[in-house]
Amino acid sequence: MPKIVDHTAHRRDLAGKAAAVFSAKGYGAVGMRGMAAELGVSKSALYHYFPTKQALFLAATEAMMAREPKVRLAQEGSESERLRALAQAMRADFGAEMALVFDYLRGKSRAEVREDAAMGVALETYEGMVAQIVGAARARDVLVRLMGALLLDVLSGGAVAAEDRV
């Protein structure tokens, strides 16, 4: 009897595992052949689920963003306390995430970045988390401050804690 495969679940599982590979190796350092080997599937099986490396990266981004800290503190504490908690939650992986994003964006024009589905998913997720705390009207402005604070934290080696700057 043939094996019954839940293709949706398998695709989601591959995307989640691919996210870890992209995070560890970078976007430019791994091709579809190498990714298939890392995931323990054939290259043709990987192409069955993801027709391009960019499609795989989009699915991996969606998987990563689904795991981003959901602001469960939205009802507790002051706005500044909730923003600090969000900054602290995002801080742990921020440097690695930004390294991957910059690797992925290498060589893309601003117009290409604006149209990129993976970057749209990431921006929408981050802005949504902030909007839960400060509301939609202020979310973009606060996100700019938060991302700047997180980047400053990375560049200073943690000397300027992001959660103290939002």
N, C-alpha and C. Protein backbone atom coordinates (compact mmCIF):
# COMPACT_ATOMS: atom_id res chain seq x y z
N MET A 1 0.84 -1.18 0.00
CA MET A 1 0.00 0.00 0.00
C MET A 1 0.89 1.24 0.00
N PRO A 2 0.60 2.21 -0.87
CA PRO A 2 1.45 3.42 -0.93
C PRO A 2 1.34 4.25 0.34
N LYS A 3 2.45 4.90 0.64
CA LYS A 3 2.51 5.78 1.81
C LYS A 3 1.64 7.02 1.56
N ILE A 4 0.83 7.37 2.54
CA ILE A 4 -0.01 8.56 2.43
C ILE A 4 0.76 9.73 3.04
N VAL A 5 0.94 10.75 2.24
CA VAL A 5 1.72 11.91 2.68
C VAL A 5 0.80 13.13 2.75
N ASP A 6 0.83 13.81 3.87
CA ASP A 6 0.13 15.10 3.98
C ASP A 6 1.06 16.14 3.38
N HIS A 7 0.81 16.49 2.11
CA HIS A 7 1.72 17.38 1.38
C HIS A 7 1.83 18.76 2.02
N THR A 8 0.73 19.25 2.55
CA THR A 8 0.77 20.57 3.19
C THR A 8 1.66 20.54 4.43
N ALA A 9 1.50 19.52 5.24
CA ALA A 9 2.32 19.40 6.45
C ALA A 9 3.79 19.17 6.09
N HIS A 10 4.03 18.35 5.07
CA HIS A 10 5.41 18.08 4.66
C HIS A 10 6.07 19.35 4.12
N ARG A 11 5.34 20.12 3.33
CA ARG A 11 5.86 21.38 2.79
C ARG A 11 6.19 22.33 3.94
N ARG A 12 5.30 22.42 4.91
CA ARG A 12 5.51 23.30 6.07
C ARG A 12 6.74 22.83 6.87
N ASP A 13 6.89 21.51 7.02
CA ASP A 13 8.03 20.96 7.74
C ASP A 13 9.34 21.26 7.01
N LEU A 14 9.34 21.08 5.69
CA LEU A 14 10.53 21.40 4.90
C LEU A 14 10.88 22.87 5.03
N ALA A 15 9.88 23.74 4.96
CA ALA A 15 10.13 25.18 5.07
C ALA A 15 10.72 25.54 6.42
N GLY A 16 10.19 24.95 7.48
CA GLY A 16 10.72 25.22 8.82
C GLY A 16 12.17 24.77 8.97
N LYS A 17 12.47 23.60 8.43
CA LYS A 17 13.84 23.11 8.48
C LYS A 17 14.76 23.94 7.58
N ALA A 18 14.24 24.38 6.44
CA ALA A 18 15.03 25.23 5.54
C ALA A 18 15.36 26.56 6.21
N ALA A 19 14.43 27.07 7.02
CA ALA A 19 14.69 28.32 7.74
C ALA A 19 15.92 28.18 8.62
N ALA A 20 16.05 27.05 9.28
CA ALA A 20 17.22 26.83 10.14
C ALA A 20 18.50 26.74 9.30
N VAL A 21 18.41 26.11 8.14
CA VAL A 21 19.58 25.99 7.27
C VAL A 21 19.98 27.37 6.73
N PHE A 22 19.00 28.13 6.26
CA PHE A 22 19.30 29.49 5.78
C PHE A 22 19.93 30.31 6.91
N SER A 23 19.38 30.21 8.10
CA SER A 23 19.91 30.98 9.24
C SER A 23 21.35 30.59 9.55
N ALA A 24 21.65 29.31 9.48
CA ALA A 24 22.98 28.84 9.82
C ALA A 24 24.01 29.12 8.74
N LYS A 25 23.60 29.00 7.49
CA LYS A 25 24.56 29.08 6.38
C LYS A 25 24.47 30.35 5.57
N GLY A 26 23.33 31.03 5.62
CA GLY A 26 23.13 32.21 4.79
C GLY A 26 22.39 31.84 3.53
N TYR A 27 21.87 32.84 2.87
CA TYR A 27 21.10 32.62 1.65
C TYR A 27 22.02 32.28 0.48
N GLY A 28 23.07 33.03 0.32
CA GLY A 28 23.94 32.85 -0.83
C GLY A 28 24.80 31.60 -0.77
N ALA A 29 25.00 31.05 0.41
CA ALA A 29 25.92 29.93 0.57
C ALA A 29 25.30 28.57 0.31
N VAL A 30 24.00 28.52 0.13
CA VAL A 30 23.35 27.22 -0.06
C VAL A 30 22.44 27.27 -1.29
N GLY A 31 22.65 26.31 -2.18
CA GLY A 31 21.80 26.18 -3.35
C GLY A 31 20.75 25.12 -3.10
N MET A 32 19.93 24.88 -4.08
CA MET A 32 18.86 23.91 -3.92
C MET A 32 19.41 22.48 -3.75
N ARG A 33 20.49 22.14 -4.41
CA ARG A 33 21.09 20.82 -4.25
C ARG A 33 21.58 20.65 -2.80
N GLY A 34 22.31 21.64 -2.32
CA GLY A 34 22.79 21.60 -0.94
C GLY A 34 21.66 21.61 0.07
N MET A 35 20.62 22.40 -0.22
CA MET A 35 19.48 22.45 0.69
C MET A 35 18.79 21.09 0.73
N ALA A 36 18.62 20.46 -0.42
CA ALA A 36 17.99 19.13 -0.45
C ALA A 36 18.78 18.15 0.41
N ALA A 37 20.10 18.20 0.28
CA ALA A 37 20.95 17.31 1.08
C ALA A 37 20.78 17.60 2.58
N GLU A 38 20.76 18.88 2.93
CA GLU A 38 20.58 19.27 4.34
C GLU A 38 19.23 18.80 4.88
N LEU A 39 18.22 18.81 4.04
CA LEU A 39 16.87 18.44 4.47
C LEU A 39 16.60 16.95 4.35
N GLY A 40 17.53 16.23 3.73
CA GLY A 40 17.37 14.79 3.61
C GLY A 40 16.33 14.37 2.57
N VAL A 41 16.19 15.18 1.53
CA VAL A 41 15.27 14.86 0.44
C VAL A 41 16.03 14.98 -0.88
N SER A 42 15.45 14.41 -1.92
CA SER A 42 16.08 14.56 -3.23
C SER A 42 15.84 15.98 -3.74
N LYS A 43 16.70 16.38 -4.66
CA LYS A 43 16.53 17.71 -5.26
C LYS A 43 15.19 17.80 -5.98
N SER A 44 14.79 16.74 -6.66
CA SER A 44 13.51 16.76 -7.37
C SER A 44 12.34 16.86 -6.39
N ALA A 45 12.44 16.21 -5.24
CA ALA A 45 11.39 16.32 -4.23
C ALA A 45 11.30 17.76 -3.72
N LEU A 46 12.46 18.37 -3.51
CA LEU A 46 12.45 19.76 -3.03
C LEU A 46 11.82 20.68 -4.08
N TYR A 47 12.18 20.46 -5.34
CA TYR A 47 11.59 21.27 -6.42
C TYR A 47 10.09 21.00 -6.58
N HIS A 48 9.64 19.82 -6.20
CA HIS A 48 8.20 19.53 -6.25
C HIS A 48 7.44 20.49 -5.33
N TYR A 49 8.00 20.78 -4.18
CA TYR A 49 7.34 21.67 -3.21
C TYR A 49 7.68 23.13 -3.42
N PHE A 50 8.88 23.40 -3.90
CA PHE A 50 9.35 24.78 -4.06
C PHE A 50 10.03 24.91 -5.42
N PRO A 51 9.38 25.57 -6.37
CA PRO A 51 9.92 25.61 -7.73
C PRO A 51 11.22 26.41 -7.87
N THR A 52 11.51 27.28 -6.90
CA THR A 52 12.72 28.08 -6.95
C THR A 52 13.28 28.25 -5.54
N LYS A 53 14.52 28.65 -5.47
CA LYS A 53 15.13 28.95 -4.17
C LYS A 53 14.40 30.11 -3.50
N GLN A 54 13.98 31.08 -4.30
CA GLN A 54 13.26 32.22 -3.73
C GLN A 54 11.92 31.77 -3.14
N ALA A 55 11.24 30.83 -3.79
CA ALA A 55 9.98 30.30 -3.24
C ALA A 55 10.23 29.58 -1.93
N LEU A 56 11.34 28.85 -1.86
CA LEU A 56 11.71 28.18 -0.61
C LEU A 56 12.01 29.21 0.47
N PHE A 57 12.73 30.27 0.11
CA PHE A 57 13.05 31.31 1.09
C PHE A 57 11.78 31.99 1.60
N LEU A 58 10.83 32.25 0.71
CA LEU A 58 9.55 32.84 1.12
C LEU A 58 8.85 31.92 2.12
N ALA A 59 8.78 30.62 1.82
CA ALA A 59 8.14 29.68 2.74
C ALA A 59 8.89 29.61 4.06
N ALA A 60 10.22 29.65 4.00
CA ALA A 60 11.03 29.63 5.22
C ALA A 60 10.79 30.91 6.04
N THR A 61 10.67 32.03 5.35
CA THR A 61 10.39 33.30 6.04
C THR A 61 9.02 33.23 6.72
N GLU A 62 8.04 32.71 6.01
CA GLU A 62 6.71 32.56 6.61
C GLU A 62 6.77 31.66 7.84
N ALA A 63 7.55 30.59 7.77
CA ALA A 63 7.70 29.69 8.92
C ALA A 63 8.39 30.40 10.08
N MET A 64 9.44 31.17 9.77
CA MET A 64 10.15 31.91 10.83
C MET A 64 9.25 32.97 11.46
N MET A 65 8.52 33.68 10.64
CA MET A 65 7.66 34.74 11.16
C MET A 65 6.51 34.17 11.99
N ALA A 66 6.07 32.97 11.66
CA ALA A 66 5.02 32.33 12.46
C ALA A 66 5.54 31.99 13.85
N ARG A 67 6.86 31.84 13.97
CA ARG A 67 7.46 31.53 15.27
C ARG A 67 7.89 32.77 16.03
N GLU A 68 7.84 33.92 15.39
CA GLU A 68 8.25 35.15 16.07
C GLU A 68 7.42 35.31 17.35
N PRO A 69 7.97 35.99 18.32
CA PRO A 69 7.23 36.13 19.59
C PRO A 69 5.89 36.80 19.35
N LYS A 70 4.86 36.13 19.72
CA LYS A 70 3.54 36.73 19.65
C LYS A 70 3.37 37.54 20.93
N VAL A 71 2.98 38.75 20.81
CA VAL A 71 2.96 39.66 21.95
C VAL A 71 1.82 39.28 22.88
N ARG A 72 2.14 38.35 23.76
CA ARG A 72 1.15 37.90 24.72
C ARG A 72 0.99 38.90 25.87
N LEU A 73 1.90 39.84 25.93
CA LEU A 73 1.87 40.84 27.00
C LEU A 73 1.02 42.05 26.62
N ALA A 74 0.32 41.99 25.51
CA ALA A 74 -0.39 43.15 24.98
C ALA A 74 -1.40 43.72 25.97
N GLN A 75 -1.89 42.92 26.89
CA GLN A 75 -2.88 43.40 27.85
C GLN A 75 -2.27 43.75 29.20
N GLU A 76 -0.99 43.45 29.38
CA GLU A 76 -0.36 43.62 30.68
C GLU A 76 0.72 44.69 30.65
N GLY A 77 0.79 45.50 31.67
CA GLY A 77 1.84 46.49 31.80
C GLY A 77 1.61 47.71 30.93
N SER A 78 2.49 48.67 31.10
CA SER A 78 2.41 49.90 30.32
C SER A 78 2.88 49.65 28.90
N GLU A 79 2.62 50.59 28.04
CA GLU A 79 3.08 50.48 26.65
C GLU A 79 4.59 50.32 26.60
N SER A 80 5.31 51.13 27.36
CA SER A 80 6.78 51.06 27.33
C SER A 80 7.27 49.72 27.87
N GLU A 81 6.62 49.18 28.87
CA GLU A 81 7.01 47.87 29.41
C GLU A 81 6.78 46.77 28.36
N ARG A 82 5.68 46.86 27.65
CA ARG A 82 5.39 45.85 26.62
C ARG A 82 6.36 45.98 25.46
N LEU A 83 6.73 47.20 25.08
CA LEU A 83 7.72 47.38 24.02
C LEU A 83 9.08 46.85 24.43
N ARG A 84 9.46 47.08 25.68
CA ARG A 84 10.73 46.54 26.18
C ARG A 84 10.71 45.01 26.16
N ALA A 85 9.58 44.42 26.52
CA ALA A 85 9.47 42.96 26.50
C ALA A 85 9.58 42.43 25.06
N LEU A 86 8.97 43.13 24.12
CA LEU A 86 9.07 42.73 22.72
C LEU A 86 10.51 42.85 22.24
N ALA A 87 11.17 43.96 22.57
CA ALA A 87 12.57 44.15 22.18
C ALA A 87 13.43 43.03 22.75
N GLN A 88 13.21 42.68 23.98
CA GLN A 88 13.98 41.61 24.62
C GLN A 88 13.75 40.28 23.91
N ALA A 89 12.51 40.00 23.54
CA ALA A 89 12.20 38.75 22.84
C ALA A 89 12.84 38.71 21.46
N MET A 90 12.85 39.83 20.76
CA MET A 90 13.41 39.89 19.42
C MET A 90 14.93 39.92 19.43
N ARG A 91 15.51 40.38 20.52
CA ARG A 91 16.95 40.61 20.62
C ARG A 91 17.79 39.36 20.41
N ALA A 92 17.33 38.24 20.90
CA ALA A 92 18.14 37.02 20.90
C ALA A 92 18.62 36.64 19.50
N ASP A 93 17.76 36.68 18.51
CA ASP A 93 18.12 36.23 17.16
C ASP A 93 18.25 37.37 16.16
N PHE A 94 18.17 38.59 16.61
CA PHE A 94 18.09 39.71 15.68
C PHE A 94 19.33 39.83 14.79
N GLY A 95 20.51 39.69 15.35
CA GLY A 95 21.73 39.81 14.56
C GLY A 95 21.79 38.76 13.46
N ALA A 96 21.47 37.53 13.80
CA ALA A 96 21.49 36.45 12.81
C ALA A 96 20.40 36.67 11.75
N GLU A 97 19.23 37.13 12.19
CA GLU A 97 18.15 37.40 11.24
C GLU A 97 18.53 38.50 10.27
N MET A 98 19.13 39.56 10.77
CA MET A 98 19.51 40.67 9.89
C MET A 98 20.65 40.26 8.96
N ALA A 99 21.59 39.43 9.44
CA ALA A 99 22.65 38.95 8.56
C ALA A 99 22.05 38.16 7.41
N LEU A 100 21.07 37.31 7.70
CA LEU A 100 20.40 36.54 6.66
C LEU A 100 19.64 37.45 5.71
N VAL A 101 18.94 38.43 6.24
CA VAL A 101 18.18 39.36 5.39
C VAL A 101 19.11 40.11 4.46
N PHE A 102 20.22 40.63 4.98
CA PHE A 102 21.15 41.38 4.14
C PHE A 102 21.80 40.49 3.09
N ASP A 103 22.08 39.24 3.45
CA ASP A 103 22.61 38.28 2.48
C ASP A 103 21.58 38.05 1.37
N TYR A 104 20.34 37.86 1.76
CA TYR A 104 19.26 37.63 0.80
C TYR A 104 19.06 38.85 -0.12
N LEU A 105 19.18 40.04 0.45
CA LEU A 105 18.92 41.26 -0.32
C LEU A 105 20.10 41.72 -1.17
N ARG A 106 21.26 41.12 -0.98
CA ARG A 106 22.46 41.52 -1.72
C ARG A 106 22.17 41.57 -3.22
N GLY A 107 22.43 42.72 -3.82
CA GLY A 107 22.26 42.88 -5.26
C GLY A 107 20.86 43.27 -5.70
N LYS A 108 19.92 43.33 -4.78
CA LYS A 108 18.55 43.70 -5.16
C LYS A 108 18.40 45.22 -5.11
N SER A 109 17.65 45.75 -6.04
CA SER A 109 17.36 47.19 -6.04
C SER A 109 16.27 47.48 -5.00
N ARG A 110 16.10 48.74 -4.68
CA ARG A 110 15.03 49.13 -3.75
C ARG A 110 13.67 48.69 -4.27
N ALA A 111 13.47 48.84 -5.56
CA ALA A 111 12.19 48.42 -6.16
C ALA A 111 12.00 46.91 -6.00
N GLU A 112 13.05 46.13 -6.19
CA GLU A 112 12.95 44.68 -6.02
C GLU A 112 12.65 44.32 -4.57
N VAL A 113 13.26 45.04 -3.64
CA VAL A 113 12.99 44.79 -2.22
C VAL A 113 11.54 45.13 -1.90
N ARG A 114 11.07 46.26 -2.41
CA ARG A 114 9.67 46.67 -2.17
C ARG A 114 8.69 45.62 -2.66
N GLU A 115 9.02 44.96 -3.77
CA GLU A 115 8.13 43.97 -4.37
C GLU A 115 8.36 42.55 -3.84
N ASP A 116 9.36 42.36 -3.01
CA ASP A 116 9.72 41.03 -2.55
C ASP A 116 8.71 40.51 -1.52
N ALA A 117 8.14 39.35 -1.81
CA ALA A 117 7.11 38.78 -0.94
C ALA A 117 7.65 38.41 0.43
N ALA A 118 8.87 37.87 0.50
CA ALA A 118 9.44 37.48 1.80
C ALA A 118 9.64 38.70 2.70
N MET A 119 10.14 39.79 2.11
CA MET A 119 10.33 41.00 2.91
C MET A 119 8.98 41.58 3.32
N GLY A 120 7.98 41.45 2.47
CA GLY A 120 6.64 41.90 2.82
C GLY A 120 6.08 41.13 4.02
N VAL A 121 6.29 39.81 4.02
CA VAL A 121 5.83 38.98 5.14
C VAL A 121 6.53 39.40 6.43
N ALA A 122 7.85 39.59 6.36
CA ALA A 122 8.60 39.97 7.55
C ALA A 122 8.15 41.33 8.08
N LEU A 123 8.05 42.30 7.19
CA LEU A 123 7.63 43.64 7.61
C LEU A 123 6.23 43.63 8.20
N GLU A 124 5.33 42.92 7.55
CA GLU A 124 3.95 42.85 8.05
C GLU A 124 3.89 42.19 9.43
N THR A 125 4.69 41.15 9.63
CA THR A 125 4.71 40.46 10.93
C THR A 125 5.25 41.37 12.02
N TYR A 126 6.40 42.00 11.76
CA TYR A 126 6.98 42.89 12.77
C TYR A 126 6.06 44.07 13.07
N GLU A 127 5.51 44.67 12.03
CA GLU A 127 4.62 45.81 12.24
C GLU A 127 3.36 45.38 13.00
N GLY A 128 2.87 44.19 12.71
CA GLY A 128 1.70 43.68 13.41
C GLY A 128 1.96 43.48 14.89
N MET A 129 3.14 42.97 15.23
CA MET A 129 3.47 42.78 16.64
C MET A 129 3.50 44.12 17.37
N VAL A 130 4.10 45.11 16.73
CA VAL A 130 4.18 46.44 17.35
C VAL A 130 2.79 47.06 17.44
N ALA A 131 1.97 46.87 16.41
CA ALA A 131 0.62 47.43 16.40
C ALA A 131 -0.23 46.88 17.54
N GLN A 132 0.03 45.66 17.95
CA GLN A 132 -0.70 45.10 19.09
C GLN A 132 -0.47 45.90 20.36
N ILE A 133 0.66 46.56 20.41
CA ILE A 133 1.03 47.31 21.61
C ILE A 133 0.66 48.78 21.48
N VAL A 134 0.97 49.40 20.34
CA VAL A 134 0.81 50.85 20.22
C VAL A 134 -0.32 51.26 19.28
N GLY A 135 -0.94 50.30 18.61
CA GLY A 135 -1.98 50.62 17.65
C GLY A 135 -1.42 50.79 16.25
N ALA A 136 -2.27 50.58 15.27
CA ALA A 136 -1.85 50.61 13.87
C ALA A 136 -1.32 51.96 13.43
N ALA A 137 -1.91 53.03 13.93
CA ALA A 137 -1.53 54.37 13.48
C ALA A 137 -0.06 54.70 13.80
N ARG A 138 0.43 54.20 14.92
CA ARG A 138 1.81 54.50 15.34
C ARG A 138 2.79 53.38 15.09
N ALA A 139 2.30 52.25 14.60
CA ALA A 139 3.14 51.05 14.52
C ALA A 139 4.39 51.26 13.68
N ARG A 140 4.28 51.87 12.52
CA ARG A 140 5.45 52.01 11.64
C ARG A 140 6.52 52.88 12.31
N ASP A 141 6.12 54.00 12.90
CA ASP A 141 7.10 54.88 13.55
C ASP A 141 7.79 54.18 14.72
N VAL A 142 7.02 53.46 15.50
CA VAL A 142 7.61 52.75 16.65
C VAL A 142 8.50 51.61 16.16
N LEU A 143 8.09 50.94 15.09
CA LEU A 143 8.92 49.87 14.54
C LEU A 143 10.26 50.40 14.06
N VAL A 144 10.27 51.57 13.48
CA VAL A 144 11.54 52.19 13.04
C VAL A 144 12.46 52.36 14.25
N ARG A 145 11.92 52.88 15.34
CA ARG A 145 12.73 53.05 16.57
C ARG A 145 13.20 51.70 17.11
N LEU A 146 12.29 50.73 17.14
CA LEU A 146 12.62 49.41 17.67
C LEU A 146 13.71 48.74 16.85
N MET A 147 13.57 48.74 15.53
CA MET A 147 14.57 48.11 14.67
C MET A 147 15.91 48.84 14.79
N GLY A 148 15.86 50.15 14.86
CA GLY A 148 17.10 50.92 15.05
C GLY A 148 17.77 50.57 16.36
N ALA A 149 16.98 50.45 17.42
CA ALA A 149 17.53 50.10 18.73
C ALA A 149 18.12 48.69 18.71
N LEU A 150 17.43 47.76 18.06
CA LEU A 150 17.95 46.40 17.97
C LEU A 150 19.24 46.34 17.16
N LEU A 151 19.28 47.09 16.08
CA LEU A 151 20.50 47.13 15.26
C LEU A 151 21.65 47.75 16.04
N LEU A 152 21.39 48.82 16.76
CA LEU A 152 22.41 49.45 17.60
C LEU A 152 22.92 48.47 18.65
N ASP A 153 22.01 47.68 19.21
CA ASP A 153 22.38 46.66 20.19
C ASP A 153 23.34 45.65 19.57
N VAL A 154 23.04 45.21 18.34
CA VAL A 154 23.91 44.25 17.65
C VAL A 154 25.27 44.88 17.36
N LEU A 155 25.26 46.09 16.82
CA LEU A 155 26.52 46.74 16.43
C LEU A 155 27.40 47.09 17.62
N SER A 156 26.79 47.27 18.79
CA SER A 156 27.57 47.60 19.98
C SER A 156 27.96 46.36 20.78
N GLY A 157 27.60 45.19 20.26
CA GLY A 157 27.91 43.96 21.00
C GLY A 157 27.12 43.85 22.28
N GLY A 158 25.96 44.46 22.31
CA GLY A 158 25.11 44.39 23.50
C GLY A 158 25.36 45.49 24.50
N ALA A 159 26.29 46.39 24.20
CA ALA A 159 26.60 47.47 25.14
C ALA A 159 25.44 48.46 25.25
N VAL A 160 24.64 48.55 24.21
CA VAL A 160 23.47 49.43 24.21
C VAL A 160 22.26 48.51 24.08
N ALA A 161 21.70 48.10 25.20
CA ALA A 161 20.58 47.16 25.18
C ALA A 161 19.38 47.76 24.48
N ALA A 162 18.85 47.05 23.52
CA ALA A 162 17.73 47.54 22.71
C ALA A 162 16.50 47.83 23.58
N GLU A 163 16.27 46.97 24.56
CA GLU A 163 15.07 47.16 25.36
C GLU A 163 15.13 48.43 26.21
N ASP A 164 16.31 48.99 26.36
CA ASP A 164 16.44 50.26 27.09
C ASP A 164 16.25 51.46 26.17
N ARG A 165 16.15 51.24 24.87
CA ARG A 165 16.10 52.33 23.89
C ARG A 165 14.76 52.50 23.21
N VAL A 166 13.79 51.64 23.53
CA VAL A 166 12.47 51.77 22.87
C VAL A 166 11.46 52.38 23.83
